[in-house]
Amino acid sequence: MGKKRSWKQYRAIDLAMFAGMLVIFEFIIVMAARFWFPGQPFTVSLVAAITTIVYMRWGYWGVIHAMLGGVVYSFMSGAAAHQYLIYVVGNIFSLISVYILIKVGKEKVRTNTWGMLYPILVLLLMQTGRAIVALLLGAEPANIVGFYTTDSLSMLFTFVIIWIARRLDGVYEDQIHYLLRVNAKEGTEKEVNYES
């Protein structure tokens, strides 16, 4: 019989896998944008999508991915020190969404149609956080609009990725809920097999 993993080990492996995906996808997207579309004013990022999934799976732990996304994006873009601060600290503002997620209920957000607003909220909070940090660092208020307009394609990508993730069993689901559901299902199947 194989060794069983503890709850903390399972969470650590899961968080590490999503962090790895985030780093790889952000690297590919930023490099592709720099190579194929260097003059485009728009950016695409999967940070909000991956962070949203991790918030749903693990709650507040997703802030690690929000911050990591800011670091990777800044590094790959050749950002200055103040830009790291804008993207890393700005992305932390998305933590506000976890309070709402818990208040409303993860299952309600996961299964209801209006739950598709949640990933958009995560991205808007990140953008707003970046704008606020930029203002505090002395940016002109007129330049703040760029945090929303240049990242508009990320909104579409975030929406589509979460739409797909909601249809995959266990991906966009609180992991305690998911494991209990799977264990209950396995227990029922064992009882049926034993009786037949």
C-alpha atoms as a PDB file:
ATOM      1  CA  MET A   1       0.000   0.000   0.000  1.00  0.00           C
ATOM      2  CA  GLY A   2       1.331   3.451  -0.946  1.00  0.00           C
ATOM      3  CA  LYS A   3       2.261   6.101   1.563  1.00  0.00           C
ATOM      4  CA  LYS A   4      -0.554   8.539   2.279  1.00  0.00           C
ATOM      5  CA  ARG A   5       0.170  12.234   2.146  1.00  0.00           C
ATOM      6  CA  SER A   6      -0.768  14.555   4.953  1.00  0.00           C
ATOM      7  CA  TRP A   7      -3.121  17.449   4.368  1.00  0.00           C
ATOM      8  CA  LYS A   8      -0.221  19.929   4.575  1.00  0.00           C
ATOM      9  CA  GLN A   9       1.832  17.937   2.066  1.00  0.00           C
ATOM     10  CA  TYR A  10      -1.086  17.814  -0.359  1.00  0.00           C
ATOM     11  CA  ARG A  11      -1.583  21.568  -0.037  1.00  0.00           C
ATOM     12  CA  ALA A  12       2.135  22.304  -0.453  1.00  0.00           C
ATOM     13  CA  ILE A  13       2.358  20.147  -3.596  1.00  0.00           C
ATOM     14  CA  ASP A  14      -0.788  21.722  -5.046  1.00  0.00           C
ATOM     15  CA  LEU A  15       0.383  25.280  -4.330  1.00  0.00           C
ATOM     16  CA  ALA A  16       3.797  24.488  -5.822  1.00  0.00           C
ATOM     17  CA  MET A  17       2.229  23.067  -8.984  1.00  0.00           C
ATOM     18  CA  PHE A  18       0.117  26.176  -9.521  1.00  0.00           C
ATOM     19  CA  ALA A  19       3.143  28.382  -8.808  1.00  0.00           C
ATOM     20  CA  GLY A  20       5.114  26.434 -11.412  1.00  0.00           C
ATOM     21  CA  MET A  21       2.330  26.839 -13.972  1.00  0.00           C
ATOM     22  CA  LEU A  22       2.145  30.549 -13.242  1.00  0.00           C
ATOM     23  CA  VAL A  23       5.892  31.053 -13.736  1.00  0.00           C
ATOM     24  CA  ILE A  24       5.997  29.022 -16.959  1.00  0.00           C
ATOM     25  CA  PHE A  25       2.903  30.613 -18.530  1.00  0.00           C
ATOM     26  CA  GLU A  26       3.884  34.167 -17.588  1.00  0.00           C
ATOM     27  CA  PHE A  27       7.381  33.567 -18.956  1.00  0.00           C
ATOM     28  CA  ILE A  28       5.978  32.291 -22.277  1.00  0.00           C
ATOM     29  CA  ILE A  29       3.392  35.078 -22.583  1.00  0.00           C
ATOM     30  CA  VAL A  30       5.793  37.931 -21.804  1.00  0.00           C
ATOM     31  CA  MET A  31       8.508  36.514 -24.080  1.00  0.00           C
ATOM     32  CA  ALA A  32       5.994  36.023 -26.913  1.00  0.00           C
ATOM     33  CA  ALA A  33       4.693  39.570 -26.479  1.00  0.00           C
ATOM     34  CA  ARG A  34       8.228  41.003 -26.526  1.00  0.00           C
ATOM     35  CA  PHE A  35       9.177  38.947 -29.589  1.00  0.00           C
ATOM     36  CA  TRP A  36       6.035  39.080 -31.752  1.00  0.00           C
ATOM     37  CA  PHE A  37       4.172  42.171 -30.524  1.00  0.00           C
ATOM     38  CA  PRO A  38       6.782  44.575 -29.117  1.00  0.00           C
ATOM     39  CA  GLY A  39       4.903  47.771 -29.984  1.00  0.00           C
ATOM     40  CA  GLN A  40       1.471  46.735 -28.720  1.00  0.00           C
ATOM     41  CA  PRO A  41       0.010  48.788 -25.863  1.00  0.00           C
ATOM     42  CA  PHE A  42      -1.881  45.745 -24.531  1.00  0.00           C
ATOM     43  CA  THR A  43      -0.591  43.102 -22.153  1.00  0.00           C
ATOM     44  CA  VAL A  44      -1.885  39.638 -21.385  1.00  0.00           C
ATOM     45  CA  SER A  45      -1.374  37.918 -18.069  1.00  0.00           C
ATOM     46  CA  LEU A  46      -2.682  34.727 -16.492  1.00  0.00           C
ATOM     47  CA  VAL A  47      -1.840  35.838 -12.952  1.00  0.00           C
ATOM     48  CA  ALA A  48      -5.446  36.757 -12.112  1.00  0.00           C
ATOM     49  CA  ALA A  49      -6.799  33.488 -13.539  1.00  0.00           C
ATOM     50  CA  ILE A  50      -4.356  31.272 -11.652  1.00  0.00           C
ATOM     51  CA  THR A  51      -4.699  33.329  -8.469  1.00  0.00           C
ATOM     52  CA  THR A  52      -8.499  33.048  -8.694  1.00  0.00           C
ATOM     53  CA  ILE A  53      -8.276  29.269  -8.968  1.00  0.00           C
ATOM     54  CA  VAL A  54      -5.906  29.087  -5.979  1.00  0.00           C
ATOM     55  CA  TYR A  55      -8.159  31.398  -3.938  1.00  0.00           C
ATOM     56  CA  MET A  56     -11.046  29.025  -4.655  1.00  0.00           C
ATOM     57  CA  ARG A  57      -8.965  25.955  -3.781  1.00  0.00           C
ATOM     58  CA  TRP A  58      -7.067  27.251  -0.738  1.00  0.00           C
ATOM     59  CA  GLY A  59      -8.383  30.675   0.284  1.00  0.00           C
ATOM     60  CA  TYR A  60      -5.802  33.185   1.485  1.00  0.00           C
ATOM     61  CA  TRP A  61      -2.877  31.022   0.334  1.00  0.00           C
ATOM     62  CA  GLY A  62      -3.479  32.393  -3.164  1.00  0.00           C
ATOM     63  CA  VAL A  63      -1.777  35.653  -2.182  1.00  0.00           C
ATOM     64  CA  ILE A  64       1.523  33.832  -2.722  1.00  0.00           C
ATOM     65  CA  HIS A  65       0.595  33.400  -6.377  1.00  0.00           C
ATOM     66  CA  ALA A  66      -0.623  36.985  -6.684  1.00  0.00           C
ATOM     67  CA  MET A  67       2.744  38.245  -5.423  1.00  0.00           C
ATOM     68  CA  LEU A  68       4.727  35.709  -7.444  1.00  0.00           C
ATOM     69  CA  GLY A  69       2.858  36.800 -10.560  1.00  0.00           C
ATOM     70  CA  GLY A  70       3.902  40.392  -9.927  1.00  0.00           C
ATOM     71  CA  VAL A  71       7.542  39.346  -9.523  1.00  0.00           C
ATOM     72  CA  VAL A  72       7.595  37.190 -12.662  1.00  0.00           C
ATOM     73  CA  TYR A  73       5.811  39.772 -14.800  1.00  0.00           C
ATOM     74  CA  SER A  74       8.121  42.555 -13.614  1.00  0.00           C
ATOM     75  CA  PHE A  75      11.260  40.464 -14.050  1.00  0.00           C
ATOM     76  CA  MET A  76      10.340  39.271 -17.546  1.00  0.00           C
ATOM     77  CA  SER A  77       9.397  42.810 -18.579  1.00  0.00           C
ATOM     78  CA  GLY A  78      12.738  44.213 -17.397  1.00  0.00           C
ATOM     79  CA  ALA A  79      10.997  46.425 -14.849  1.00  0.00           C
ATOM     80  CA  ALA A  80      12.624  48.968 -12.569  1.00  0.00           C
ATOM     81  CA  ALA A  81      12.505  48.545  -8.759  1.00  0.00           C
ATOM     82  CA  HIS A  82       9.435  50.774  -8.325  1.00  0.00           C
ATOM     83  CA  GLN A  83       7.540  48.687 -10.908  1.00  0.00           C
ATOM     84  CA  TYR A  84       8.193  45.542  -8.883  1.00  0.00           C
ATOM     85  CA  LEU A  85       6.635  47.315  -5.936  1.00  0.00           C
ATOM     86  CA  ILE A  86       3.624  48.378  -8.009  1.00  0.00           C
ATOM     87  CA  TYR A  87       2.920  44.884  -9.330  1.00  0.00           C
ATOM     88  CA  VAL A  88       3.753  42.840  -6.231  1.00  0.00           C
ATOM     89  CA  VAL A  89       2.052  45.063  -3.635  1.00  0.00           C
ATOM     90  CA  GLY A  90      -0.741  45.980  -6.046  1.00  0.00           C
ATOM     91  CA  ASN A  91      -1.621  42.326  -6.626  1.00  0.00           C
ATOM     92  CA  ILE A  92      -1.972  41.822  -2.863  1.00  0.00           C
ATOM     93  CA  PHE A  93      -5.145  43.943  -3.020  1.00  0.00           C
ATOM     94  CA  SER A  94      -6.847  40.890  -4.549  1.00  0.00           C
ATOM     95  CA  LEU A  95      -6.916  39.410  -1.027  1.00  0.00           C
ATOM     96  CA  ILE A  96     -10.056  41.475  -0.439  1.00  0.00           C
ATOM     97  CA  SER A  97     -11.841  39.094  -2.807  1.00  0.00           C
ATOM     98  CA  VAL A  98     -11.166  36.127  -0.499  1.00  0.00           C
ATOM     99  CA  TYR A  99     -13.158  37.796   2.268  1.00  0.00           C
ATOM    100  CA  ILE A 100     -16.066  38.149  -0.176  1.00  0.00           C
ATOM    101  CA  LEU A 101     -15.557  34.566  -1.396  1.00  0.00           C
ATOM    102  CA  ILE A 102     -15.777  33.226   2.140  1.00  0.00           C
ATOM    103  CA  LYS A 103     -18.693  35.503   3.079  1.00  0.00           C
ATOM    104  CA  VAL A 104     -20.770  34.472   0.052  1.00  0.00           C
ATOM    105  CA  GLY A 105     -19.615  30.859   0.184  1.00  0.00           C
ATOM    106  CA  LYS A 106     -17.188  29.095  -2.131  1.00  0.00           C
ATOM    107  CA  GLU A 107     -19.787  26.606  -3.351  1.00  0.00           C
ATOM    108  CA  LYS A 108     -22.194  29.382  -4.274  1.00  0.00           C
ATOM    109  CA  VAL A 109     -19.498  31.233  -6.207  1.00  0.00           C
ATOM    110  CA  ARG A 110     -18.327  28.020  -7.844  1.00  0.00           C
ATOM    111  CA  THR A 111     -21.730  26.824  -9.041  1.00  0.00           C
ATOM    112  CA  ASN A 112     -23.867  29.936  -9.594  1.00  0.00           C
ATOM    113  CA  THR A 113     -23.869  31.849 -12.856  1.00  0.00           C
ATOM    114  CA  TRP A 114     -23.058  35.158 -11.147  1.00  0.00           C
ATOM    115  CA  GLY A 115     -19.981  33.436  -9.740  1.00  0.00           C
ATOM    116  CA  MET A 116     -18.261  34.299 -13.029  1.00  0.00           C
ATOM    117  CA  LEU A 117     -18.019  37.841 -11.674  1.00  0.00           C
ATOM    118  CA  TYR A 118     -15.555  36.635  -9.031  1.00  0.00           C
ATOM    119  CA  PRO A 119     -12.524  36.276 -11.352  1.00  0.00           C
ATOM    120  CA  ILE A 120     -13.256  39.713 -12.797  1.00  0.00           C
ATOM    121  CA  LEU A 121     -13.331  41.094  -9.247  1.00  0.00           C
ATOM    122  CA  VAL A 122      -9.919  39.522  -8.544  1.00  0.00           C
ATOM    123  CA  LEU A 123      -8.406  41.159 -11.634  1.00  0.00           C
ATOM    124  CA  LEU A 124     -10.044  44.544 -10.942  1.00  0.00           C
ATOM    125  CA  LEU A 125      -8.698  44.490  -7.382  1.00  0.00           C
ATOM    126  CA  MET A 126      -5.206  43.754  -8.708  1.00  0.00           C
ATOM    127  CA  GLN A 127      -5.453  46.592 -11.215  1.00  0.00           C
ATOM    128  CA  THR A 128      -6.807  48.968  -8.581  1.00  0.00           C
ATOM    129  CA  GLY A 129      -4.056  47.961  -6.168  1.00  0.00           C
ATOM    130  CA  ARG A 130      -1.419  48.672  -8.806  1.00  0.00           C
ATOM    131  CA  ALA A 131      -2.996  52.039  -9.546  1.00  0.00           C
ATOM    132  CA  ILE A 132      -3.066  53.009  -5.858  1.00  0.00           C
ATOM    133  CA  VAL A 133       0.557  51.954  -5.294  1.00  0.00           C
ATOM    134  CA  ALA A 134       1.619  53.848  -8.441  1.00  0.00           C
ATOM    135  CA  LEU A 135      -0.164  56.979  -7.175  1.00  0.00           C
ATOM    136  CA  LEU A 136       1.542  56.645  -3.800  1.00  0.00           C
ATOM    137  CA  LEU A 137       4.889  56.395  -5.607  1.00  0.00           C
ATOM    138  CA  GLY A 138       4.188  59.651  -7.439  1.00  0.00           C
ATOM    139  CA  ALA A 139       2.574  58.586 -10.724  1.00  0.00           C
ATOM    140  CA  GLU A 140       0.377  61.118 -12.509  1.00  0.00           C
ATOM    141  CA  PRO A 141      -3.352  60.433 -12.046  1.00  0.00           C
ATOM    142  CA  ALA A 142      -3.838  60.614 -15.838  1.00  0.00           C
ATOM    143  CA  ASN A 143      -1.492  57.625 -16.271  1.00  0.00           C
ATOM    144  CA  ILE A 144      -3.470  55.413 -13.890  1.00  0.00           C
ATOM    145  CA  VAL A 145      -6.079  54.584 -16.538  1.00  0.00           C
ATOM    146  CA  GLY A 146      -3.386  52.552 -18.276  1.00  0.00           C
ATOM    147  CA  PHE A 147      -3.466  49.921 -15.547  1.00  0.00           C
ATOM    148  CA  TYR A 148      -6.998  49.065 -16.658  1.00  0.00           C
ATOM    149  CA  THR A 149      -6.891  49.638 -20.417  1.00  0.00           C
ATOM    150  CA  THR A 150      -3.597  47.916 -21.246  1.00  0.00           C
ATOM    151  CA  ASP A 151      -4.662  44.864 -19.224  1.00  0.00           C
ATOM    152  CA  SER A 152      -8.114  44.517 -20.819  1.00  0.00           C
ATOM    153  CA  LEU A 153      -7.161  41.339 -22.727  1.00  0.00           C
ATOM    154  CA  SER A 154      -6.270  39.724 -19.404  1.00  0.00           C
ATOM    155  CA  MET A 155      -9.900  40.221 -18.389  1.00  0.00           C
ATOM    156  CA  LEU A 156     -11.039  38.126 -21.348  1.00  0.00           C
ATOM    157  CA  PHE A 157      -8.413  35.425 -20.741  1.00  0.00           C
ATOM    158  CA  THR A 158      -9.253  35.287 -17.025  1.00  0.00           C
ATOM    159  CA  PHE A 159     -12.958  34.943 -17.751  1.00  0.00           C
ATOM    160  CA  VAL A 160     -12.434  32.150 -20.307  1.00  0.00           C
ATOM    161  CA  ILE A 161      -9.957  30.202 -18.148  1.00  0.00           C
ATOM    162  CA  ILE A 162     -12.265  30.264 -15.126  1.00  0.00           C
ATOM    163  CA  TRP A 163     -15.236  29.324 -17.331  1.00  0.00           C
ATOM    164  CA  ILE A 164     -13.279  26.227 -18.442  1.00  0.00           C
ATOM    165  CA  ALA A 165     -11.944  25.471 -14.931  1.00  0.00           C
ATOM    166  CA  ARG A 166     -15.485  25.471 -13.537  1.00  0.00           C
ATOM    167  CA  ARG A 167     -16.336  22.589 -15.853  1.00  0.00           C
ATOM    168  CA  LEU A 168     -13.366  20.425 -14.820  1.00  0.00           C
ATOM    169  CA  ASP A 169     -14.028  18.213 -11.819  1.00  0.00           C
ATOM    170  CA  GLY A 170     -12.221  19.440  -8.717  1.00  0.00           C
ATOM    171  CA  VAL A 171     -10.141  22.167 -10.388  1.00  0.00           C
ATOM    172  CA  TYR A 172     -12.219  25.187  -9.358  1.00  0.00           C
ATOM    173  CA  GLU A 173     -13.352  23.822  -6.011  1.00  0.00           C
ATOM    174  CA  ASP A 174     -12.381  24.177  -2.376  1.00  0.00           C
ATOM    175  CA  GLN A 175     -10.022  21.264  -1.832  1.00  0.00           C
ATOM    176  CA  ILE A 176     -11.466  20.225   1.528  1.00  0.00           C
ATOM    177  CA  HIS A 177     -14.891  20.034  -0.118  1.00  0.00           C
ATOM    178  CA  TYR A 178     -13.430  18.182  -3.099  1.00  0.00           C
ATOM    179  CA  LEU A 179     -11.563  15.560  -1.049  1.00  0.00           C
ATOM    180  CA  LEU A 180     -14.562  14.940   1.206  1.00  0.00           C
ATOM    181  CA  ARG A 181     -16.764  14.555  -1.865  1.00  0.00           C
ATOM    182  CA  VAL A 182     -14.333  12.122  -3.523  1.00  0.00           C
ATOM    183  CA  ASN A 183     -13.898  10.105  -0.311  1.00  0.00           C
ATOM    184  CA  ALA A 184     -17.660   9.897   0.182  1.00  0.00           C
ATOM    185  CA  LYS A 185     -18.090   8.738  -3.416  1.00  0.00           C
ATOM    186  CA  GLU A 186     -15.339   6.105  -3.049  1.00  0.00           C
ATOM    187  CA  GLY A 187     -16.906   4.903   0.202  1.00  0.00           C
ATOM    188  CA  THR A 188     -20.294   4.491  -1.497  1.00  0.00           C
ATOM    189  CA  GLU A 189     -18.721   2.614  -4.422  1.00  0.00           C
ATOM    190  CA  LYS A 190     -16.895   0.247  -2.049  1.00  0.00           C
ATOM    191  CA  GLU A 191     -20.164  -0.489  -0.234  1.00  0.00           C
ATOM    192  CA  VAL A 192     -21.928  -1.227  -3.537  1.00  0.00           C
ATOM    193  CA  ASN A 193     -19.063  -3.511  -4.712  1.00  0.00           C
ATOM    194  CA  TYR A 194     -18.977  -5.299  -1.364  1.00  0.00           C
ATOM    195  CA  GLU A 195     -22.727  -5.936  -1.429  1.00  0.00           C
ATOM    196  CA  SER A 196     -22.774  -7.188  -5.036  1.00  0.00           C
END
